[in-house]
Amino acid sequence: MRPKIYLFGDSITEESFSDGGWGAALANHFSRTADVVLRGYSGYNTRWALKVKEKVFPPPESGDAPLAVMVFFGANDASLPERCSGFQHVPLEEYKQNLVAIVAFLKKRWPSTRIILITPPPIDEDGRLLHPFFDDSSGLPERTNEAAGSYAKQCLAVAAECGVSAIDLWRKMQQFPGWQKGYLSDGLHLTANGNKVVFEEVIGRLREEQISLETLPADLPLIAEINPNDPLKSFEN
C-alpha cells in the first residue's frame, strides 16, 4: 500500500482540499507515491486536538507508520480571551504544553514518522473586522497579528525543544507585499495564493526530510515502463 502523509489541524487544514487548497495540491503532487490523509477540524484548538487524538489517528498495529504528520494549530488558540471567540482561546503556556504532548504522542506511536509543526498564519485585523465569525458589537477584531506572532514563536520553540521540523508561516507570509488581502480571504483563512505559499513550504520541508518524488517509488508501473508488445509482463514483479 502507498505510505501516508497526515494533515492534522483546524479549518485551515479542513479547507485545504478545496479548489486551490494546499492539501489538494499536496495530494496531486504525491498522486502516484503517497496518500495524503485529511484530518482537519474547523474551530479546533490544541486543547481539543489533544482530547481527540486517539480518535484521529489509527492504532500503531493497524499498519505501517505514516511518512509524515503535519500539525497545524494555533490560529484558534490565539483568539483573544475577552472577545467573541474567547471560548476557543488557549493560554500561551498551555498551547506550548499541548503541542509538546501531541508531538510526544505521535513519536511514541510512530517513532519513524517525521513530524512537522506549522505556525499559525499572520492575521489581517481589518479583514477580521469585515468577516466576523460571531455577532460582536465591540468593533474590535477577535484575533490580532501580535497575538498570532506570539503563538507562532512558541510553536517554533516547541519544534526546537522536541527535535522536529517547523514551518514559520507567520513570518514567511508577511515577507510578501500585500499579504493581508492577497493571501488571506477573511483576515485568517487562505486565498489561492496563500494556499500556494503553504504548499511550497510543506513540499520544501518534506524534501528536507527526504520525502519527495525522487525518494518515493511509484506504487505500480508507470505507462512509460510498460512494454507495448507484452503489457502484462510489467505486472509480474
C-alpha atoms as a PDB file:
ATOM      1  CA  MET A   1       0.000   0.000   0.000  1.00  0.00           C
ATOM      2  CA  ARG A   2       1.065   3.566  -0.509  1.00  0.00           C
ATOM      3  CA  PRO A   3       2.570   5.321   2.515  1.00  0.00           C
ATOM      4  CA  LYS A   4       0.542   8.098   4.122  1.00  0.00           C
ATOM      5  CA  ILE A   5       1.013  11.745   4.992  1.00  0.00           C
ATOM      6  CA  TYR A   6      -1.444  13.072   7.598  1.00  0.00           C
ATOM      7  CA  LEU A   7      -2.617  16.684   7.815  1.00  0.00           C
ATOM      8  CA  PHE A   8      -3.837  17.419  11.370  1.00  0.00           C
ATOM      9  CA  GLY A   9      -5.159  20.883  12.055  1.00  0.00           C
ATOM     10  CA  ASP A  10      -8.061  23.315  12.232  1.00  0.00           C
ATOM     11  CA  SER A  11     -10.193  24.911   9.495  1.00  0.00           C
ATOM     12  CA  ILE A  12      -7.113  25.992   7.516  1.00  0.00           C
ATOM     13  CA  THR A  13      -6.408  22.284   7.206  1.00  0.00           C
ATOM     14  CA  GLU A  14     -10.026  21.174   6.816  1.00  0.00           C
ATOM     15  CA  GLU A  15     -10.472  23.568   3.889  1.00  0.00           C
ATOM     16  CA  SER A  16      -7.165  22.558   2.302  1.00  0.00           C
ATOM     17  CA  PHE A  17      -8.824  20.028  -0.017  1.00  0.00           C
ATOM     18  CA  SER A  18     -10.994  22.714  -1.610  1.00  0.00           C
ATOM     19  CA  ASP A  19     -10.185  24.144  -5.036  1.00  0.00           C
ATOM     20  CA  GLY A  20      -6.676  25.525  -4.939  1.00  0.00           C
ATOM     21  CA  GLY A  21      -6.135  24.251  -1.394  1.00  0.00           C
ATOM     22  CA  TRP A  22      -2.676  23.305  -0.174  1.00  0.00           C
ATOM     23  CA  GLY A  23      -3.835  19.817   0.844  1.00  0.00           C
ATOM     24  CA  ALA A  24      -5.343  19.143  -2.569  1.00  0.00           C
ATOM     25  CA  ALA A  25      -2.139  20.344  -4.214  1.00  0.00           C
ATOM     26  CA  LEU A  26      -0.155  18.050  -1.933  1.00  0.00           C
ATOM     27  CA  ALA A  27      -2.375  15.066  -2.801  1.00  0.00           C
ATOM     28  CA  ASN A  28      -1.973  15.833  -6.502  1.00  0.00           C
ATOM     29  CA  HIS A  29       1.801  16.191  -6.115  1.00  0.00           C
ATOM     30  CA  PHE A  30       2.118  12.743  -4.499  1.00  0.00           C
ATOM     31  CA  SER A  31      -0.687  11.171  -6.551  1.00  0.00           C
ATOM     32  CA  ARG A  32       1.303   8.045  -7.511  1.00  0.00           C
ATOM     33  CA  THR A  33       3.535   7.764  -4.469  1.00  0.00           C
ATOM     34  CA  ALA A  34       1.697   8.579  -1.200  1.00  0.00           C
ATOM     35  CA  ASP A  35      -1.818   9.099   0.125  1.00  0.00           C
ATOM     36  CA  VAL A  36      -2.485  12.461   1.773  1.00  0.00           C
ATOM     37  CA  VAL A  37      -4.974  11.932   4.616  1.00  0.00           C
ATOM     38  CA  LEU A  38      -7.034  14.920   5.750  1.00  0.00           C
ATOM     39  CA  ARG A  39      -7.719  15.326   9.459  1.00  0.00           C
ATOM     40  CA  GLY A  40      -8.814  18.949   9.692  1.00  0.00           C
ATOM     41  CA  TYR A  41     -11.336  20.165  12.279  1.00  0.00           C
ATOM     42  CA  SER A  42     -12.774  23.635  11.873  1.00  0.00           C
ATOM     43  CA  GLY A  43     -12.594  25.777  15.002  1.00  0.00           C
ATOM     44  CA  TYR A  44     -10.402  23.358  16.977  1.00  0.00           C
ATOM     45  CA  ASN A  45      -7.560  24.399  19.215  1.00  0.00           C
ATOM     46  CA  THR A  46      -4.730  22.325  20.702  1.00  0.00           C
ATOM     47  CA  ARG A  47      -6.750  21.578  23.861  1.00  0.00           C
ATOM     48  CA  TRP A  48      -9.455  19.924  21.801  1.00  0.00           C
ATOM     49  CA  ALA A  49      -6.932  18.283  19.469  1.00  0.00           C
ATOM     50  CA  LEU A  50      -5.235  16.662  22.440  1.00  0.00           C
ATOM     51  CA  LYS A  51      -8.617  15.386  23.624  1.00  0.00           C
ATOM     52  CA  VAL A  52      -9.488  13.663  20.320  1.00  0.00           C
ATOM     53  CA  LYS A  53      -6.054  12.477  19.167  1.00  0.00           C
ATOM     54  CA  GLU A  54      -6.800   8.792  19.834  1.00  0.00           C
ATOM     55  CA  LYS A  55      -9.835   9.007  17.532  1.00  0.00           C
ATOM     56  CA  VAL A  56      -7.984  10.917  14.807  1.00  0.00           C
ATOM     57  CA  PHE A  57      -5.119   8.504  14.183  1.00  0.00           C
ATOM     58  CA  PRO A  58      -5.229   4.716  13.695  1.00  0.00           C
ATOM     59  CA  PRO A  59      -3.640   2.476  16.340  1.00  0.00           C
ATOM     60  CA  PRO A  60       0.006   1.537  15.717  1.00  0.00           C
ATOM     61  CA  GLU A  61      -0.872  -2.086  14.995  1.00  0.00           C
ATOM     62  CA  SER A  62      -3.186  -1.106  12.124  1.00  0.00           C
ATOM     63  CA  GLY A  63      -0.399  -0.825   9.551  1.00  0.00           C
ATOM     64  CA  ASP A  64       2.779   0.906   8.568  1.00  0.00           C
ATOM     65  CA  ALA A  65       3.737   4.188  10.186  1.00  0.00           C
ATOM     66  CA  PRO A  66       2.895   7.260   8.099  1.00  0.00           C
ATOM     67  CA  LEU A  67       5.726   9.044   6.368  1.00  0.00           C
ATOM     68  CA  ALA A  68       4.860  12.349   7.996  1.00  0.00           C
ATOM     69  CA  VAL A  69       2.288  14.193  10.087  1.00  0.00           C
ATOM     70  CA  MET A  70       1.707  17.930   9.676  1.00  0.00           C
ATOM     71  CA  VAL A  71       0.457  19.533  12.903  1.00  0.00           C
ATOM     72  CA  PHE A  72      -1.137  22.908  12.115  1.00  0.00           C
ATOM     73  CA  PHE A  73      -2.802  24.509  15.153  1.00  0.00           C
ATOM     74  CA  GLY A  74      -2.629  27.876  16.836  1.00  0.00           C
ATOM     75  CA  ALA A  75      -4.951  30.186  14.904  1.00  0.00           C
ATOM     76  CA  ASN A  76      -7.829  29.433  17.284  1.00  0.00           C
ATOM     77  CA  ASP A  77      -5.664  29.108  20.398  1.00  0.00           C
ATOM     78  CA  ALA A  78      -4.578  32.699  19.727  1.00  0.00           C
ATOM     79  CA  SER A  79      -8.138  34.076  19.828  1.00  0.00           C
ATOM     80  CA  LEU A  80      -8.290  36.846  22.399  1.00  0.00           C
ATOM     81  CA  PRO A  81      -9.952  35.574  25.602  1.00  0.00           C
ATOM     82  CA  GLU A  82     -12.115  38.632  26.242  1.00  0.00           C
ATOM     83  CA  ARG A  83     -13.632  38.821  22.748  1.00  0.00           C
ATOM     84  CA  CYS A  84     -16.278  36.910  20.811  1.00  0.00           C
ATOM     85  CA  SER A  85     -14.099  33.867  20.004  1.00  0.00           C
ATOM     86  CA  GLY A  86     -12.812  33.650  23.563  1.00  0.00           C
ATOM     87  CA  PHE A  87     -14.154  30.107  24.034  1.00  0.00           C
ATOM     88  CA  GLN A  88     -11.504  28.955  21.527  1.00  0.00           C
ATOM     89  CA  HIS A  89      -8.663  30.678  23.372  1.00  0.00           C
ATOM     90  CA  VAL A  90      -5.885  28.600  24.925  1.00  0.00           C
ATOM     91  CA  PRO A  91      -3.300  30.418  27.086  1.00  0.00           C
ATOM     92  CA  LEU A  92       0.146  30.584  25.533  1.00  0.00           C
ATOM     93  CA  GLU A  93       1.874  28.323  28.055  1.00  0.00           C
ATOM     94  CA  GLU A  94      -0.864  25.700  27.786  1.00  0.00           C
ATOM     95  CA  TYR A  95      -0.630  25.897  23.995  1.00  0.00           C
ATOM     96  CA  LYS A  96       3.050  25.031  24.299  1.00  0.00           C
ATOM     97  CA  GLN A  97       2.338  22.131  26.650  1.00  0.00           C
ATOM     98  CA  ASN A  98      -0.414  20.822  24.376  1.00  0.00           C
ATOM     99  CA  LEU A  99       1.860  20.887  21.320  1.00  0.00           C
ATOM    100  CA  VAL A 100       4.577  19.082  23.265  1.00  0.00           C
ATOM    101  CA  ALA A 101       2.034  16.436  24.281  1.00  0.00           C
ATOM    102  CA  ILE A 102       0.795  15.980  20.704  1.00  0.00           C
ATOM    103  CA  VAL A 103       4.351  15.564  19.432  1.00  0.00           C
ATOM    104  CA  ALA A 104       5.146  13.102  22.246  1.00  0.00           C
ATOM    105  CA  PHE A 105       2.040  11.085  21.393  1.00  0.00           C
ATOM    106  CA  LEU A 106       2.976  10.883  17.715  1.00  0.00           C
ATOM    107  CA  LYS A 107       6.594   9.990  18.460  1.00  0.00           C
ATOM    108  CA  LYS A 108       5.530   7.198  20.798  1.00  0.00           C
ATOM    109  CA  ARG A 109       3.011   5.810  18.326  1.00  0.00           C
ATOM    110  CA  TRP A 110       5.266   6.020  15.279  1.00  0.00           C
ATOM    111  CA  PRO A 111       8.929   6.640  16.148  1.00  0.00           C
ATOM    112  CA  SER A 112       9.999   6.743  12.485  1.00  0.00           C
ATOM    113  CA  THR A 113       7.363   9.258  11.362  1.00  0.00           C
ATOM    114  CA  ARG A 114       8.523  12.785  10.532  1.00  0.00           C
ATOM    115  CA  ILE A 115       6.575  15.420  12.437  1.00  0.00           C
ATOM    116  CA  ILE A 116       6.329  18.925  11.021  1.00  0.00           C
ATOM    117  CA  LEU A 117       4.752  21.752  13.010  1.00  0.00           C
ATOM    118  CA  ILE A 118       3.230  24.696  11.136  1.00  0.00           C
ATOM    119  CA  THR A 119       2.806  28.005  12.935  1.00  0.00           C
ATOM    120  CA  PRO A 120      -0.470  29.896  12.714  1.00  0.00           C
ATOM    121  CA  PRO A 121      -0.588  32.346   9.814  1.00  0.00           C
ATOM    122  CA  PRO A 122      -0.475  36.100  10.304  1.00  0.00           C
ATOM    123  CA  ILE A 123      -3.734  37.943  10.954  1.00  0.00           C
ATOM    124  CA  ASP A 124      -5.145  40.808   8.922  1.00  0.00           C
ATOM    125  CA  GLU A 125      -7.135  42.568  11.626  1.00  0.00           C
ATOM    126  CA  ASP A 126      -9.052  44.712   9.146  1.00  0.00           C
ATOM    127  CA  GLY A 127     -10.147  41.537   7.361  1.00  0.00           C
ATOM    128  CA  ARG A 128     -11.346  40.033  10.643  1.00  0.00           C
ATOM    129  CA  LEU A 129     -13.477  43.095  11.335  1.00  0.00           C
ATOM    130  CA  LEU A 130     -15.088  42.726   7.913  1.00  0.00           C
ATOM    131  CA  HIS A 131     -15.722  38.987   8.324  1.00  0.00           C
ATOM    132  CA  PRO A 132     -16.539  38.239  11.977  1.00  0.00           C
ATOM    133  CA  PHE A 133     -17.446  34.648  12.888  1.00  0.00           C
ATOM    134  CA  PHE A 134     -19.899  35.703  15.587  1.00  0.00           C
ATOM    135  CA  ASP A 135     -22.066  38.715  16.338  1.00  0.00           C
ATOM    136  CA  ASP A 136     -19.858  41.256  18.035  1.00  0.00           C
ATOM    137  CA  SER A 137     -20.673  44.875  18.779  1.00  0.00           C
ATOM    138  CA  SER A 138     -17.266  45.737  20.229  1.00  0.00           C
ATOM    139  CA  GLY A 139     -15.817  46.907  16.925  1.00  0.00           C
ATOM    140  CA  LEU A 140     -12.595  45.082  17.776  1.00  0.00           C
ATOM    141  CA  PRO A 141     -11.070  42.065  15.988  1.00  0.00           C
ATOM    142  CA  GLU A 142     -11.218  38.801  17.923  1.00  0.00           C
ATOM    143  CA  ARG A 143      -7.680  37.993  16.750  1.00  0.00           C
ATOM    144  CA  THR A 144      -4.600  40.172  16.344  1.00  0.00           C
ATOM    145  CA  ASN A 145      -1.417  39.687  14.408  1.00  0.00           C
ATOM    146  CA  GLU A 146       0.642  40.352  17.507  1.00  0.00           C
ATOM    147  CA  ALA A 147      -1.054  37.512  19.377  1.00  0.00           C
ATOM    148  CA  ALA A 148      -0.684  35.162  16.413  1.00  0.00           C
ATOM    149  CA  GLY A 149       3.015  36.015  16.326  1.00  0.00           C
ATOM    150  CA  SER A 150       3.416  35.037  19.983  1.00  0.00           C
ATOM    151  CA  TYR A 151       1.858  31.641  19.296  1.00  0.00           C
ATOM    152  CA  ALA A 152       3.992  31.207  16.188  1.00  0.00           C
ATOM    153  CA  LYS A 153       7.112  31.884  18.259  1.00  0.00           C
ATOM    154  CA  GLN A 154       6.012  29.323  20.822  1.00  0.00           C
ATOM    155  CA  CYS A 155       5.332  26.766  18.085  1.00  0.00           C
ATOM    156  CA  LEU A 156       8.888  27.175  16.813  1.00  0.00           C
ATOM    157  CA  ALA A 157      10.202  26.813  20.364  1.00  0.00           C
ATOM    158  CA  VAL A 158       8.324  23.515  20.748  1.00  0.00           C
ATOM    159  CA  ALA A 159       9.770  22.216  17.472  1.00  0.00           C
ATOM    160  CA  ALA A 160      13.291  23.031  18.669  1.00  0.00           C
ATOM    161  CA  GLU A 161      12.665  21.511  22.086  1.00  0.00           C
ATOM    162  CA  CYS A 162      11.187  18.310  20.662  1.00  0.00           C
ATOM    163  CA  GLY A 163      13.653  17.947  17.802  1.00  0.00           C
ATOM    164  CA  VAL A 164      11.103  18.128  14.974  1.00  0.00           C
ATOM    165  CA  SER A 165      10.771  20.340  11.910  1.00  0.00           C
ATOM    166  CA  ALA A 166       8.700  23.505  11.736  1.00  0.00           C
ATOM    167  CA  ILE A 167       7.413  25.944   9.145  1.00  0.00           C
ATOM    168  CA  ASP A 168       7.251  29.582  10.241  1.00  0.00           C
ATOM    169  CA  LEU A 169       4.211  30.512   8.187  1.00  0.00           C
ATOM    170  CA  TRP A 170       3.544  33.631  10.273  1.00  0.00           C
ATOM    171  CA  ARG A 171       6.891  35.148   9.274  1.00  0.00           C
ATOM    172  CA  LYS A 172       7.077  33.704   5.756  1.00  0.00           C
ATOM    173  CA  MET A 173       3.736  35.061   4.594  1.00  0.00           C
ATOM    174  CA  GLN A 174       4.492  38.579   5.802  1.00  0.00           C
ATOM    175  CA  GLN A 175       7.514  38.754   3.520  1.00  0.00           C
ATOM    176  CA  PHE A 176       5.180  39.293   0.569  1.00  0.00           C
ATOM    177  CA  PRO A 177       3.803  42.790  -0.162  1.00  0.00           C
ATOM    178  CA  GLY A 178       0.035  42.957   0.141  1.00  0.00           C
ATOM    179  CA  TRP A 179      -0.211  39.674   2.037  1.00  0.00           C
ATOM    180  CA  GLN A 180      -3.178  40.947   4.053  1.00  0.00           C
ATOM    181  CA  LYS A 181      -5.617  40.757   1.138  1.00  0.00           C
ATOM    182  CA  GLY A 182      -3.567  38.764  -1.366  1.00  0.00           C
ATOM    183  CA  TYR A 183      -3.011  35.751   0.879  1.00  0.00           C
ATOM    184  CA  LEU A 184      -5.902  35.887   3.358  1.00  0.00           C
ATOM    185  CA  SER A 185      -9.549  35.789   2.285  1.00  0.00           C
ATOM    186  CA  ASP A 186     -11.069  36.988   5.555  1.00  0.00           C
ATOM    187  CA  GLY A 187      -8.097  38.038   7.622  1.00  0.00           C
ATOM    188  CA  LEU A 188      -7.411  34.437   8.687  1.00  0.00           C
ATOM    189  CA  HIS A 189      -8.187  31.807   6.053  1.00  0.00           C
ATOM    190  CA  LEU A 190      -6.151  31.406   2.897  1.00  0.00           C
ATOM    191  CA  THR A 191      -6.713  32.603  -0.645  1.00  0.00           C
ATOM    192  CA  ALA A 192      -5.414  30.544  -3.579  1.00  0.00           C
ATOM    193  CA  ASN A 193      -2.116  32.437  -3.340  1.00  0.00           C
ATOM    194  CA  GLY A 194      -1.956  31.864   0.393  1.00  0.00           C
ATOM    195  CA  ASN A 195      -2.535  28.155  -0.153  1.00  0.00           C
ATOM    196  CA  LYS A 196       0.277  28.143  -2.686  1.00  0.00           C
ATOM    197  CA  VAL A 197       2.675  29.552  -0.085  1.00  0.00           C
ATOM    198  CA  VAL A 198       1.747  26.784   2.374  1.00  0.00           C
ATOM    199  CA  PHE A 199       2.078  24.098  -0.302  1.00  0.00           C
ATOM    200  CA  GLU A 200       5.515  25.275  -1.362  1.00  0.00           C
ATOM    201  CA  GLU A 201       6.711  25.487   2.248  1.00  0.00           C
ATOM    202  CA  VAL A 202       5.396  21.992   3.014  1.00  0.00           C
ATOM    203  CA  ILE A 203       6.949  20.466  -0.107  1.00  0.00           C
ATOM    204  CA  GLY A 204      10.267  22.102   0.714  1.00  0.00           C
ATOM    205  CA  ARG A 205      10.257  20.877   4.294  1.00  0.00           C
ATOM    206  CA  LEU A 206       9.256  17.350   3.254  1.00  0.00           C
ATOM    207  CA  ARG A 207      12.138  17.341   0.784  1.00  0.00           C
ATOM    208  CA  GLU A 208      14.499  18.251   3.626  1.00  0.00           C
ATOM    209  CA  GLU A 209      13.088  15.226   5.451  1.00  0.00           C
ATOM    210  CA  GLN A 210      13.913  13.039   2.411  1.00  0.00           C
ATOM    211  CA  ILE A 211      10.262  12.745   1.373  1.00  0.00           C
ATOM    212  CA  SER A 212       9.947  13.683  -2.288  1.00  0.00           C
ATOM    213  CA  LEU A 213       9.053  12.307  -5.696  1.00  0.00           C
ATOM    214  CA  GLU A 214      12.717  11.422  -6.115  1.00  0.00           C
ATOM    215  CA  THR A 215      12.815   9.293  -2.950  1.00  0.00           C
ATOM    216  CA  LEU A 216       9.382   7.645  -3.172  1.00  0.00           C
ATOM    217  CA  PRO A 217       8.742   4.940  -5.784  1.00  0.00           C
ATOM    218  CA  ALA A 218       5.508   4.862  -7.763  1.00  0.00           C
ATOM    219  CA  ASP A 219       3.292   2.108  -6.399  1.00  0.00           C
ATOM    220  CA  LEU A 220       2.721   0.445  -9.803  1.00  0.00           C
ATOM    221  CA  PRO A 221       4.482   0.593 -13.186  1.00  0.00           C
ATOM    222  CA  LEU A 222       4.236   3.913 -14.984  1.00  0.00           C
ATOM    223  CA  ILE A 223       2.865   3.834 -18.515  1.00  0.00           C
ATOM    224  CA  ALA A 224       6.327   4.569 -19.879  1.00  0.00           C
ATOM    225  CA  GLU A 225       7.590   1.393 -18.180  1.00  0.00           C
ATOM    226  CA  ILE A 226       5.018  -0.914 -19.755  1.00  0.00           C
ATOM    227  CA  ASN A 227       6.169  -2.882 -22.803  1.00  0.00           C
ATOM    228  CA  PRO A 228       3.566  -2.305 -25.544  1.00  0.00           C
ATOM    229  CA  ASN A 229       4.416  -5.712 -27.028  1.00  0.00           C
ATOM    230  CA  ASP A 230       3.831  -7.568 -23.761  1.00  0.00           C
ATOM    231  CA  PRO A 231       1.974  -5.259 -21.339  1.00  0.00           C
ATOM    232  CA  LEU A 232       1.138  -7.841 -18.698  1.00  0.00           C
ATOM    233  CA  LYS A 233       4.751  -8.791 -18.177  1.00  0.00           C
ATOM    234  CA  SER A 234       5.304  -5.485 -16.386  1.00  0.00           C
ATOM    235  CA  PHE A 235       2.970  -6.634 -13.584  1.00  0.00           C
ATOM    236  CA  GLU A 236       4.726  -9.902 -12.825  1.00  0.00           C
ATOM    237  CA  ASN A 237       7.251  -8.409 -10.375  1.00  0.00           C
END
